[in-house]
Amino acid sequence: MDRTAELRLRLVQLAEERILAREWGLANDPLYVEDLELELNATREAYAGTAITQLALLRAELDGRNQG
């Protein structure tokens, strides 16, 4: 599995964890919520970066080197 797919899977897992945290009453624990949100944001940023890089590499493969 490539890094972009791994990060996408982790985002899904973290979103599910957030839903479960609400159901289990952990949404009232500020330290837990803060930690979860920090991990979600970091994973989201990493996913976006790898996805953009992957798209740029694909474009380069299809169109050749960007000139200009």
C-alpha atoms as a PDB file:
ATOM      1  CA  MET A   1       0.000   0.000   0.000  1.00  0.00           C
ATOM      2  CA  ASP A   2       1.437   3.387  -0.906  1.00  0.00           C
ATOM      3  CA  ARG A   3       1.790   6.245   1.554  1.00  0.00           C
ATOM      4  CA  THR A   4      -1.186   8.200   0.186  1.00  0.00           C
ATOM      5  CA  ALA A   5      -3.471   5.192   0.600  1.00  0.00           C
ATOM      6  CA  GLU A   6      -2.122   4.567   4.109  1.00  0.00           C
ATOM      7  CA  LEU A   7      -2.847   8.153   5.111  1.00  0.00           C
ATOM      8  CA  ARG A   8      -6.335   8.002   3.594  1.00  0.00           C
ATOM      9  CA  LEU A   9      -7.060   4.851   5.591  1.00  0.00           C
ATOM     10  CA  ARG A  10      -5.748   6.506   8.760  1.00  0.00           C
ATOM     11  CA  LEU A  11      -8.054   9.495   8.172  1.00  0.00           C
ATOM     12  CA  VAL A  12     -11.031   7.146   7.929  1.00  0.00           C
ATOM     13  CA  GLN A  13      -9.961   5.401  11.134  1.00  0.00           C
ATOM     14  CA  LEU A  14      -9.576   8.697  12.985  1.00  0.00           C
ATOM     15  CA  ALA A  15     -12.987   9.892  11.792  1.00  0.00           C
ATOM     16  CA  GLU A  16     -14.512   6.652  13.065  1.00  0.00           C
ATOM     17  CA  GLU A  17     -12.689   7.106  16.368  1.00  0.00           C
ATOM     18  CA  ARG A  18     -14.156  10.605  16.711  1.00  0.00           C
ATOM     19  CA  ILE A  19     -17.673   9.216  16.200  1.00  0.00           C
ATOM     20  CA  LEU A  20     -17.080   6.469  18.749  1.00  0.00           C
ATOM     21  CA  ALA A  21     -15.620   8.973  21.203  1.00  0.00           C
ATOM     22  CA  ARG A  22     -18.880  10.924  21.110  1.00  0.00           C
ATOM     23  CA  GLU A  23     -20.895   7.757  21.651  1.00  0.00           C
ATOM     24  CA  TRP A  24     -18.725   6.709  24.598  1.00  0.00           C
ATOM     25  CA  GLY A  25     -18.754  10.132  26.236  1.00  0.00           C
ATOM     26  CA  LEU A  26     -15.094  10.861  25.557  1.00  0.00           C
ATOM     27  CA  ALA A  27     -16.022  14.059  23.742  1.00  0.00           C
ATOM     28  CA  ASN A  28     -16.137  15.660  27.193  1.00  0.00           C
ATOM     29  CA  ASP A  29     -12.463  14.860  27.835  1.00  0.00           C
ATOM     30  CA  PRO A  30     -10.584  17.933  26.559  1.00  0.00           C
ATOM     31  CA  LEU A  31      -7.158  16.255  26.518  1.00  0.00           C
ATOM     32  CA  TYR A  32      -8.443  13.299  24.518  1.00  0.00           C
ATOM     33  CA  VAL A  33     -10.324  15.524  22.073  1.00  0.00           C
ATOM     34  CA  GLU A  34      -7.323  17.817  21.614  1.00  0.00           C
ATOM     35  CA  ASP A  35      -5.003  14.876  20.953  1.00  0.00           C
ATOM     36  CA  LEU A  36      -7.441  13.364  18.461  1.00  0.00           C
ATOM     37  CA  GLU A  37      -7.910  16.682  16.647  1.00  0.00           C
ATOM     38  CA  LEU A  38      -4.148  17.243  16.470  1.00  0.00           C
ATOM     39  CA  GLU A  39      -3.652  13.809  14.939  1.00  0.00           C
ATOM     40  CA  LEU A  40      -6.527  14.364  12.510  1.00  0.00           C
ATOM     41  CA  ASN A  41      -5.101  17.699  11.371  1.00  0.00           C
ATOM     42  CA  ALA A  42      -1.556  16.368  10.994  1.00  0.00           C
ATOM     43  CA  THR A  43      -2.785  13.345   9.053  1.00  0.00           C
ATOM     44  CA  ARG A  44      -4.995  15.532   6.848  1.00  0.00           C
ATOM     45  CA  GLU A  45      -2.042  17.786   6.013  1.00  0.00           C
ATOM     46  CA  ALA A  46       0.229  14.827   5.275  1.00  0.00           C
ATOM     47  CA  TYR A  47      -2.452  13.232   3.098  1.00  0.00           C
ATOM     48  CA  ALA A  48      -2.958  16.430   1.123  1.00  0.00           C
ATOM     49  CA  GLY A  49       0.786  16.783   0.567  1.00  0.00           C
ATOM     50  CA  THR A  50       1.259  13.229  -0.624  1.00  0.00           C
ATOM     51  CA  ALA A  51      -1.829  13.379  -2.840  1.00  0.00           C
ATOM     52  CA  ILE A  52      -0.642  16.597  -4.501  1.00  0.00           C
ATOM     53  CA  THR A  53       2.809  15.107  -5.038  1.00  0.00           C
ATOM     54  CA  GLN A  54       1.292  11.953  -6.500  1.00  0.00           C
ATOM     55  CA  LEU A  55      -0.838  14.015  -8.905  1.00  0.00           C
ATOM     56  CA  ALA A  56       2.173  16.076  -9.972  1.00  0.00           C
ATOM     57  CA  LEU A  57       4.191  12.926 -10.635  1.00  0.00           C
ATOM     58  CA  LEU A  58       1.360  11.437 -12.673  1.00  0.00           C
ATOM     59  CA  ARG A  59       1.051  14.622 -14.692  1.00  0.00           C
ATOM     60  CA  ALA A  60       4.791  14.599 -15.345  1.00  0.00           C
ATOM     61  CA  GLU A  61       4.585  11.002 -16.538  1.00  0.00           C
ATOM     62  CA  LEU A  62       1.712  11.802 -18.888  1.00  0.00           C
ATOM     63  CA  ASP A  63       2.795  15.216 -20.189  1.00  0.00           C
ATOM     64  CA  GLY A  64       6.550  15.156 -19.813  1.00  0.00           C
ATOM     65  CA  ARG A  65       8.642  17.799 -18.130  1.00  0.00           C
ATOM     66  CA  ASN A  66       6.967  21.147 -17.482  1.00  0.00           C
ATOM     67  CA  GLN A  67       8.765  23.884 -19.445  1.00  0.00           C
ATOM     68  CA  GLY A  68       8.415  27.585 -18.869  1.00  0.00           C
END
